[in-house]
Amino acid sequence: GPFFRDVMSARSPREVWGYIISPPGWRPD
């Protein structure tokens, strides 16, 4: 649930990719 909410809130494909491959807890801000 938190993962899909984060992906849906992403403002760019790069942020989507970040949520997928970054360590747990990563935020783009």
PDB file of all heavy atoms in Angstrom:
ATOM      1  N   GLY A   1       0.809  -1.213   0.000  1.00  0.00           N
ATOM      2  CA  GLY A   1       0.000   0.000   0.000  1.00  0.00           C
ATOM      3  C   GLY A   1       0.844   1.266   0.000  1.00  0.00           C
ATOM      4  O   GLY A   1       0.689   2.125  -0.892  1.00  0.00           O
ATOM      5  N   PRO A   2       1.772   1.428   0.973  1.00  0.00           N
ATOM      6  CA  PRO A   2       2.639   2.610   0.958  1.00  0.00           C
ATOM      7  C   PRO A   2       3.468   2.734  -0.317  1.00  0.00           C
ATOM      8  O   PRO A   2       3.691   3.842  -0.810  1.00  0.00           O
ATOM      9  CB  PRO A   2       3.534   2.390   2.184  1.00  0.00           C
ATOM     10  CG  PRO A   2       2.731   1.534   3.095  1.00  0.00           C
ATOM     11  CD  PRO A   2       1.944   0.620   2.197  1.00  0.00           C
ATOM     12  N   PHE A   3       3.918   1.597  -0.850  1.00  0.00           N
ATOM     13  CA  PHE A   3       4.708   1.649  -2.074  1.00  0.00           C
ATOM     14  C   PHE A   3       3.896   2.222  -3.229  1.00  0.00           C
ATOM     15  O   PHE A   3       4.348   3.134  -3.946  1.00  0.00           O
ATOM     16  CB  PHE A   3       5.213   0.247  -2.431  1.00  0.00           C
ATOM     17  CG  PHE A   3       5.838   0.148  -3.791  1.00  0.00           C
ATOM     18  CD1 PHE A   3       7.094   0.677  -4.039  1.00  0.00           C
ATOM     19  CD2 PHE A   3       5.163  -0.476  -4.834  1.00  0.00           C
ATOM     20  CE1 PHE A   3       7.674   0.596  -5.300  1.00  0.00           C
ATOM     21  CE2 PHE A   3       5.733  -0.571  -6.092  1.00  0.00           C
ATOM     22  CZ  PHE A   3       6.989  -0.027  -6.326  1.00  0.00           C
ATOM     23  N   PHE A   4       2.683   1.712  -3.442  1.00  0.00           N
ATOM     24  CA  PHE A   4       1.869   2.188  -4.559  1.00  0.00           C
ATOM     25  C   PHE A   4       1.431   3.633  -4.354  1.00  0.00           C
ATOM     26  O   PHE A   4       1.332   4.401  -5.323  1.00  0.00           O
ATOM     27  CB  PHE A   4       0.671   1.270  -4.778  1.00  0.00           C
ATOM     28  CG  PHE A   4       1.031  -0.047  -5.407  1.00  0.00           C
ATOM     29  CD1 PHE A   4       0.774  -1.242  -4.745  1.00  0.00           C
ATOM     30  CD2 PHE A   4       1.644  -0.092  -6.650  1.00  0.00           C
ATOM     31  CE1 PHE A   4       1.120  -2.457  -5.325  1.00  0.00           C
ATOM     32  CE2 PHE A   4       1.993  -1.300  -7.239  1.00  0.00           C
ATOM     33  CZ  PHE A   4       1.729  -2.480  -6.570  1.00  0.00           C
ATOM     34  N   ARG A   5       1.208   4.030  -3.106  1.00  0.00           N
ATOM     35  CA  ARG A   5       0.877   5.438  -2.858  1.00  0.00           C
ATOM     36  C   ARG A   5       2.049   6.340  -3.215  1.00  0.00           C
ATOM     37  O   ARG A   5       1.869   7.412  -3.811  1.00  0.00           O
ATOM     38  CB  ARG A   5       0.482   5.626  -1.390  1.00  0.00           C
ATOM     39  CG  ARG A   5      -0.920   5.123  -1.066  1.00  0.00           C
ATOM     40  CD  ARG A   5      -1.406   5.655   0.265  1.00  0.00           C
ATOM     41  NE  ARG A   5      -0.630   5.124   1.382  1.00  0.00           N
ATOM     42  CZ  ARG A   5      -0.912   3.991   2.014  1.00  0.00           C
ATOM     43  NH1 ARG A   5      -1.956   3.254   1.627  1.00  0.00           N
ATOM     44  NH2 ARG A   5      -0.171   3.588   3.028  1.00  0.00           N
ATOM     45  N   ASP A   6       3.254   5.896  -2.872  1.00  0.00           N
ATOM     46  CA  ASP A   6       4.432   6.689  -3.216  1.00  0.00           C
ATOM     47  C   ASP A   6       4.604   6.788  -4.728  1.00  0.00           C
ATOM     48  O   ASP A   6       4.896   7.865  -5.270  1.00  0.00           O
ATOM     49  CB  ASP A   6       5.685   6.074  -2.590  1.00  0.00           C
ATOM     50  CG  ASP A   6       5.789   6.345  -1.101  1.00  0.00           C
ATOM     51  OD1 ASP A   6       5.111   7.274  -0.620  1.00  0.00           O
ATOM     52  OD2 ASP A   6       6.538   5.622  -0.419  1.00  0.00           O
ATOM     53  N   VAL A   7       4.444   5.668  -5.409  1.00  0.00           N
ATOM     54  CA  VAL A   7       4.606   5.672  -6.866  1.00  0.00           C
ATOM     55  C   VAL A   7       3.571   6.578  -7.519  1.00  0.00           C
ATOM     56  O   VAL A   7       3.889   7.348  -8.443  1.00  0.00           O
ATOM     57  CB  VAL A   7       4.504   4.235  -7.415  1.00  0.00           C
ATOM     58  CG1 VAL A   7       4.386   4.244  -8.942  1.00  0.00           C
ATOM     59  CG2 VAL A   7       5.728   3.418  -6.993  1.00  0.00           C
ATOM     60  N   MET A   8       2.335   6.520  -7.022  1.00  0.00           N
ATOM     61  CA  MET A   8       1.279   7.346  -7.604  1.00  0.00           C
ATOM     62  C   MET A   8       1.497   8.828  -7.323  1.00  0.00           C
ATOM     63  O   MET A   8       1.013   9.683  -8.068  1.00  0.00           O
ATOM     64  CB  MET A   8      -0.084   6.910  -7.065  1.00  0.00           C
ATOM     65  CG  MET A   8      -0.505   5.513  -7.509  1.00  0.00           C
ATOM     66  SD  MET A   8      -0.622   5.335  -9.313  1.00  0.00           S
ATOM     67  CE  MET A   8      -1.996   6.436  -9.669  1.00  0.00           C
ATOM     68  N   SER A   9       2.234   9.139  -6.253  1.00  0.00           N
ATOM     69  CA  SER A   9       2.484  10.542  -5.921  1.00  0.00           C
ATOM     70  C   SER A   9       3.711  11.108  -6.629  1.00  0.00           C
ATOM     71  O   SER A   9       3.989  12.307  -6.536  1.00  0.00           O
ATOM     72  CB  SER A   9       2.682  10.698  -4.410  1.00  0.00           C
ATOM     73  OG  SER A   9       3.934  10.135  -3.995  1.00  0.00           O
ATOM     74  N   ALA A  10       4.453  10.236  -7.327  1.00  0.00           N
ATOM     75  CA  ALA A  10       5.687  10.674  -7.991  1.00  0.00           C
ATOM     76  C   ALA A  10       5.390  11.726  -9.052  1.00  0.00           C
ATOM     77  O   ALA A  10       4.382  11.655  -9.754  1.00  0.00           O
ATOM     78  CB  ALA A  10       6.396   9.482  -8.613  1.00  0.00           C
ATOM     79  N   ARG A  11       6.279  12.698  -9.164  1.00  0.00           N
ATOM     80  CA  ARG A  11       6.084  13.802 -10.093  1.00  0.00           C
ATOM     81  C   ARG A  11       6.827  13.619 -11.414  1.00  0.00           C
ATOM     82  O   ARG A  11       6.745  14.469 -12.300  1.00  0.00           O
ATOM     83  CB  ARG A  11       6.537  15.105  -9.425  1.00  0.00           C
ATOM     84  CG  ARG A  11       5.707  15.492  -8.209  1.00  0.00           C
ATOM     85  CD  ARG A  11       6.376  16.568  -7.400  1.00  0.00           C
ATOM     86  NE  ARG A  11       7.660  16.101  -6.857  1.00  0.00           N
ATOM     87  CZ  ARG A  11       8.449  16.845  -6.091  1.00  0.00           C
ATOM     88  NH1 ARG A  11       8.113  18.088  -5.802  1.00  0.00           N
ATOM     89  NH2 ARG A  11       9.588  16.337  -5.630  1.00  0.00           N
ATOM     90  N   SER A  12       7.561  12.529 -11.529  1.00  0.00           N
ATOM     91  CA  SER A  12       8.306  12.287 -12.764  1.00  0.00           C
ATOM     92  C   SER A  12       8.663  10.813 -12.852  1.00  0.00           C
ATOM     93  O   SER A  12       8.671  10.104 -11.835  1.00  0.00           O
ATOM     94  CB  SER A  12       9.600  13.121 -12.773  1.00  0.00           C
ATOM     95  OG  SER A  12      10.501  12.634 -11.793  1.00  0.00           O
ATOM     96  N   PRO A  13       8.965  10.334 -14.060  1.00  0.00           N
ATOM     97  CA  PRO A  13       9.410   8.943 -14.194  1.00  0.00           C
ATOM     98  C   PRO A  13      10.660   8.654 -13.356  1.00  0.00           C
ATOM     99  O   PRO A  13      10.832   7.541 -12.854  1.00  0.00           O
ATOM    100  CB  PRO A  13       9.693   8.806 -15.695  1.00  0.00           C
ATOM    101  CG  PRO A  13       8.815   9.824 -16.331  1.00  0.00           C
ATOM    102  CD  PRO A  13       8.794  10.979 -15.372  1.00  0.00           C
ATOM    103  N   ARG A  14      11.524   9.657 -13.203  1.00  0.00           N
ATOM    104  CA  ARG A  14      12.736   9.460 -12.404  1.00  0.00           C
ATOM    105  C   ARG A  14      12.400   9.194 -10.944  1.00  0.00           C
ATOM    106  O   ARG A  14      13.034   8.367 -10.286  1.00  0.00           O
ATOM    107  CB  ARG A  14      13.647  10.680 -12.539  1.00  0.00           C
ATOM    108  CG  ARG A  14      15.033  10.489 -11.934  1.00  0.00           C
ATOM    109  CD  ARG A  14      15.923  11.684 -12.215  1.00  0.00           C
ATOM    110  NE  ARG A  14      17.247  11.514 -11.639  1.00  0.00           N
ATOM    111  CZ  ARG A  14      18.243  10.854 -12.214  1.00  0.00           C
ATOM    112  NH1 ARG A  14      18.061  10.304 -13.401  1.00  0.00           N
ATOM    113  NH2 ARG A  14      19.416  10.755 -11.629  1.00  0.00           N
ATOM    114  N   GLU A  15      11.380   9.881 -10.429  1.00  0.00           N
ATOM    115  CA  GLU A  15      10.961   9.628  -9.054  1.00  0.00           C
ATOM    116  C   GLU A  15      10.312   8.256  -8.922  1.00  0.00           C
ATOM    117  O   GLU A  15      10.522   7.560  -7.916  1.00  0.00           O
ATOM    118  CB  GLU A  15       9.998  10.721  -8.590  1.00  0.00           C
ATOM    119  CG  GLU A  15      10.688  12.047  -8.316  1.00  0.00           C
ATOM    120  CD  GLU A  15       9.770  13.065  -7.670  1.00  0.00           C
ATOM    121  OE1 GLU A  15       8.623  12.714  -7.317  1.00  0.00           O
ATOM    122  OE2 GLU A  15      10.210  14.221  -7.509  1.00  0.00           O
ATOM    123  N   VAL A  16       9.532   7.862  -9.919  1.00  0.00           N
ATOM    124  CA  VAL A  16       8.965   6.508  -9.906  1.00  0.00           C
ATOM    125  C   VAL A  16      10.082   5.478  -9.826  1.00  0.00           C
ATOM    126  O   VAL A  16      10.048   4.543  -9.010  1.00  0.00           O
ATOM    127  CB  VAL A  16       8.101   6.261 -11.167  1.00  0.00           C
ATOM    128  CG1 VAL A  16       7.705   4.786 -11.263  1.00  0.00           C
ATOM    129  CG2 VAL A  16       6.864   7.147 -11.160  1.00  0.00           C
ATOM    130  N   TRP A  17      11.090   5.657 -10.670  1.00  0.00           N
ATOM    131  CA  TRP A  17      12.236   4.738 -10.680  1.00  0.00           C
ATOM    132  C   TRP A  17      12.955   4.746  -9.328  1.00  0.00           C
ATOM    133  O   TRP A  17      13.383   3.712  -8.833  1.00  0.00           O
ATOM    134  CB  TRP A  17      13.176   5.136 -11.802  1.00  0.00           C
ATOM    135  CG  TRP A  17      14.350   4.226 -12.023  1.00  0.00           C
ATOM    136  CD1 TRP A  17      15.665   4.563 -11.976  1.00  0.00           C
ATOM    137  CD2 TRP A  17      14.315   2.835 -12.349  1.00  0.00           C
ATOM    138  NE1 TRP A  17      16.457   3.484 -12.247  1.00  0.00           N
ATOM    139  CE2 TRP A  17      15.659   2.392 -12.479  1.00  0.00           C
ATOM    140  CE3 TRP A  17      13.286   1.917 -12.527  1.00  0.00           C
ATOM    141  CZ2 TRP A  17      15.985   1.080 -12.775  1.00  0.00           C
ATOM    142  CZ3 TRP A  17      13.609   0.601 -12.835  1.00  0.00           C
ATOM    143  CH2 TRP A  17      14.948   0.198 -12.951  1.00  0.00           C
ATOM    144  N   GLY A  18      13.054   5.929  -8.725  1.00  0.00           N
ATOM    145  CA  GLY A  18      13.683   6.029  -7.423  1.00  0.00           C
ATOM    146  C   GLY A  18      12.943   5.248  -6.363  1.00  0.00           C
ATOM    147  O   GLY A  18      13.552   4.556  -5.536  1.00  0.00           O
ATOM    148  N   TYR A  19      11.619   5.335  -6.381  1.00  0.00           N
ATOM    149  CA  TYR A  19      10.826   4.583  -5.400  1.00  0.00           C
ATOM    150  C   TYR A  19      10.976   3.071  -5.594  1.00  0.00           C
ATOM    151  O   TYR A  19      10.849   2.299  -4.643  1.00  0.00           O
ATOM    152  CB  TYR A  19       9.348   4.967  -5.506  1.00  0.00           C
ATOM    153  CG  TYR A  19       8.995   6.266  -4.825  1.00  0.00           C
ATOM    154  CD1 TYR A  19       8.354   7.284  -5.532  1.00  0.00           C
ATOM    155  CD2 TYR A  19       9.281   6.476  -3.483  1.00  0.00           C
ATOM    156  CE1 TYR A  19       8.023   8.480  -4.914  1.00  0.00           C
ATOM    157  CE2 TYR A  19       8.947   7.664  -2.852  1.00  0.00           C
ATOM    158  CZ  TYR A  19       8.321   8.667  -3.572  1.00  0.00           C
ATOM    159  OH  TYR A  19       7.998   9.846  -2.949  1.00  0.00           O
ATOM    160  N   ILE A  20      11.252   2.656  -6.812  1.00  0.00           N
ATOM    161  CA  ILE A  20      11.372   1.221  -7.098  1.00  0.00           C
ATOM    162  C   ILE A  20      12.736   0.678  -6.686  1.00  0.00           C
ATOM    163  O   ILE A  20      12.822  -0.361  -6.023  1.00  0.00           O
ATOM    164  CB  ILE A  20      11.114   0.946  -8.592  1.00  0.00           C
ATOM    165  CG1 ILE A  20       9.649   1.244  -8.931  1.00  0.00           C
ATOM    166  CG2 ILE A  20      11.459  -0.508  -8.942  1.00  0.00           C
ATOM    167  CD1 ILE A  20       9.346   1.197 -10.419  1.00  0.00           C
ATOM    168  N   ILE A  21      13.812   1.370  -7.062  1.00  0.00           N
ATOM    169  CA  ILE A  21      15.145   0.776  -6.881  1.00  0.00           C
ATOM    170  C   ILE A  21      15.931   1.326  -5.702  1.00  0.00           C
ATOM    171  O   ILE A  21      16.962   0.767  -5.338  1.00  0.00           O
ATOM    172  CB  ILE A  21      16.002   0.934  -8.153  1.00  0.00           C
ATOM    173  CG1 ILE A  21      16.374   2.409  -8.362  1.00  0.00           C
ATOM    174  CG2 ILE A  21      15.323   0.330  -9.361  1.00  0.00           C
ATOM    175  CD1 ILE A  21      17.607   2.607  -9.205  1.00  0.00           C
ATOM    176  N   SER A  22      15.471   2.406  -5.094  1.00  0.00           N
ATOM    177  CA  SER A  22      16.213   2.979  -3.975  1.00  0.00           C
ATOM    178  C   SER A  22      15.989   2.159  -2.712  1.00  0.00           C
ATOM    179  O   SER A  22      15.060   1.349  -2.628  1.00  0.00           O
ATOM    180  CB  SER A  22      15.774   4.421  -3.745  1.00  0.00           C
ATOM    181  OG  SER A  22      16.047   5.208  -4.883  1.00  0.00           O
ATOM    182  N   PRO A  23      16.798   2.379  -1.695  1.00  0.00           N
ATOM    183  CA  PRO A  23      16.594   1.664  -0.435  1.00  0.00           C
ATOM    184  C   PRO A  23      15.268   2.036   0.209  1.00  0.00           C
ATOM    185  O   PRO A  23      14.739   3.132  -0.019  1.00  0.00           O
ATOM    186  CB  PRO A  23      17.768   2.138   0.430  1.00  0.00           C
ATOM    187  CG  PRO A  23      18.800   2.622  -0.536  1.00  0.00           C
ATOM    188  CD  PRO A  23      18.031   3.191  -1.685  1.00  0.00           C
ATOM    189  N   PRO A  24      14.697   1.150   1.008  1.00  0.00           N
ATOM    190  CA  PRO A  24      13.469   1.484   1.732  1.00  0.00           C
ATOM    191  C   PRO A  24      13.651   2.776   2.528  1.00  0.00           C
ATOM    192  O   PRO A  24      14.686   2.994   3.150  1.00  0.00           O
ATOM    193  CB  PRO A  24      13.270   0.286   2.670  1.00  0.00           C
ATOM    194  CG  PRO A  24      13.992  -0.832   1.998  1.00  0.00           C
ATOM    195  CD  PRO A  24      15.169  -0.210   1.303  1.00  0.00           C
ATOM    196  N   GLY A  25      12.638   3.631   2.498  1.00  0.00           N
ATOM    197  CA  GLY A  25      12.701   4.894   3.217  1.00  0.00           C
ATOM    198  C   GLY A  25      13.153   6.065   2.382  1.00  0.00           C
ATOM    199  O   GLY A  25      13.090   7.211   2.840  1.00  0.00           O
ATOM    200  N   TRP A  26      13.593   5.825   1.133  1.00  0.00           N
ATOM    201  CA  TRP A  26      14.057   6.920   0.278  1.00  0.00           C
ATOM    202  C   TRP A  26      12.915   7.841  -0.104  1.00  0.00           C
ATOM    203  O   TRP A  26      11.793   7.392  -0.380  1.00  0.00           O
ATOM    204  CB  TRP A  26      14.694   6.359  -0.992  1.00  0.00           C
ATOM    205  CG  TRP A  26      15.121   7.422  -1.961  1.00  0.00           C
ATOM    206  CD1 TRP A  26      16.282   8.129  -1.943  1.00  0.00           C
ATOM    207  CD2 TRP A  26      14.373   7.906  -3.088  1.00  0.00           C
ATOM    208  NE1 TRP A  26      16.308   9.022  -2.991  1.00  0.00           N
ATOM    209  CE2 TRP A  26      15.152   8.908  -3.701  1.00  0.00           C
ATOM    210  CE3 TRP A  26      13.118   7.594  -3.626  1.00  0.00           C
ATOM    211  CZ2 TRP A  26      14.730   9.593  -4.838  1.00  0.00           C
ATOM    212  CZ3 TRP A  26      12.680   8.272  -4.749  1.00  0.00           C
ATOM    213  CH2 TRP A  26      13.486   9.258  -5.349  1.00  0.00           C
ATOM    214  N   ARG A  27      13.177   9.135  -0.081  1.00  0.00           N
ATOM    215  CA  ARG A  27      12.223  10.139  -0.526  1.00  0.00           C
ATOM    216  C   ARG A  27      12.917  11.085  -1.503  1.00  0.00           C
ATOM    217  O   ARG A  27      14.095  11.436  -1.300  1.00  0.00           O
ATOM    218  CB  ARG A  27      11.687  10.963   0.647  1.00  0.00           C
ATOM    219  CG  ARG A  27      11.126  10.160   1.807  1.00  0.00           C
ATOM    220  CD  ARG A  27       9.857   9.451   1.459  1.00  0.00           C
ATOM    221  NE  ARG A  27       8.817  10.362   0.993  1.00  0.00           N
ATOM    222  CZ  ARG A  27       7.598   9.953   0.607  1.00  0.00           C
ATOM    223  NH1 ARG A  27       7.307   8.663   0.613  1.00  0.00           N
ATOM    224  NH2 ARG A  27       6.703  10.820   0.209  1.00  0.00           N
ATOM    225  N   PRO A  28      12.235  11.539  -2.545  1.00  0.00           N
ATOM    226  CA  PRO A  28      12.881  12.425  -3.532  1.00  0.00           C
ATOM    227  C   PRO A  28      13.189  13.820  -2.996  1.00  0.00           C
ATOM    228  O   PRO A  28      14.019  14.526  -3.564  1.00  0.00           O
ATOM    229  CB  PRO A  28      11.847  12.494  -4.663  1.00  0.00           C
ATOM    230  CG  PRO A  28      10.544  12.163  -4.028  1.00  0.00           C
ATOM    231  CD  PRO A  28      10.867  11.183  -2.942  1.00  0.00           C
ATOM    232  N   ASP A  29      12.547  14.229  -1.878  1.00  0.00           N
ATOM    233  CA  ASP A  29      12.789  15.570  -1.339  1.00  0.00           C
ATOM    234  C   ASP A  29      13.923  15.596  -0.320  1.00  0.00           C
ATOM    235  O   ASP A  29      14.211  16.632   0.272  1.00  0.00           O
ATOM    236  CB  ASP A  29      11.516  16.142  -0.710  1.00  0.00           C
ATOM    237  CG  ASP A  29      10.983  15.273   0.424  1.00  0.00           C
ATOM    238  OD1 ASP A  29      11.642  14.259   0.776  1.00  0.00           O
ATOM    239  OD2 ASP A  29       9.906  15.605   0.969  1.00  0.00           O
TER     240      ASP A  29
END
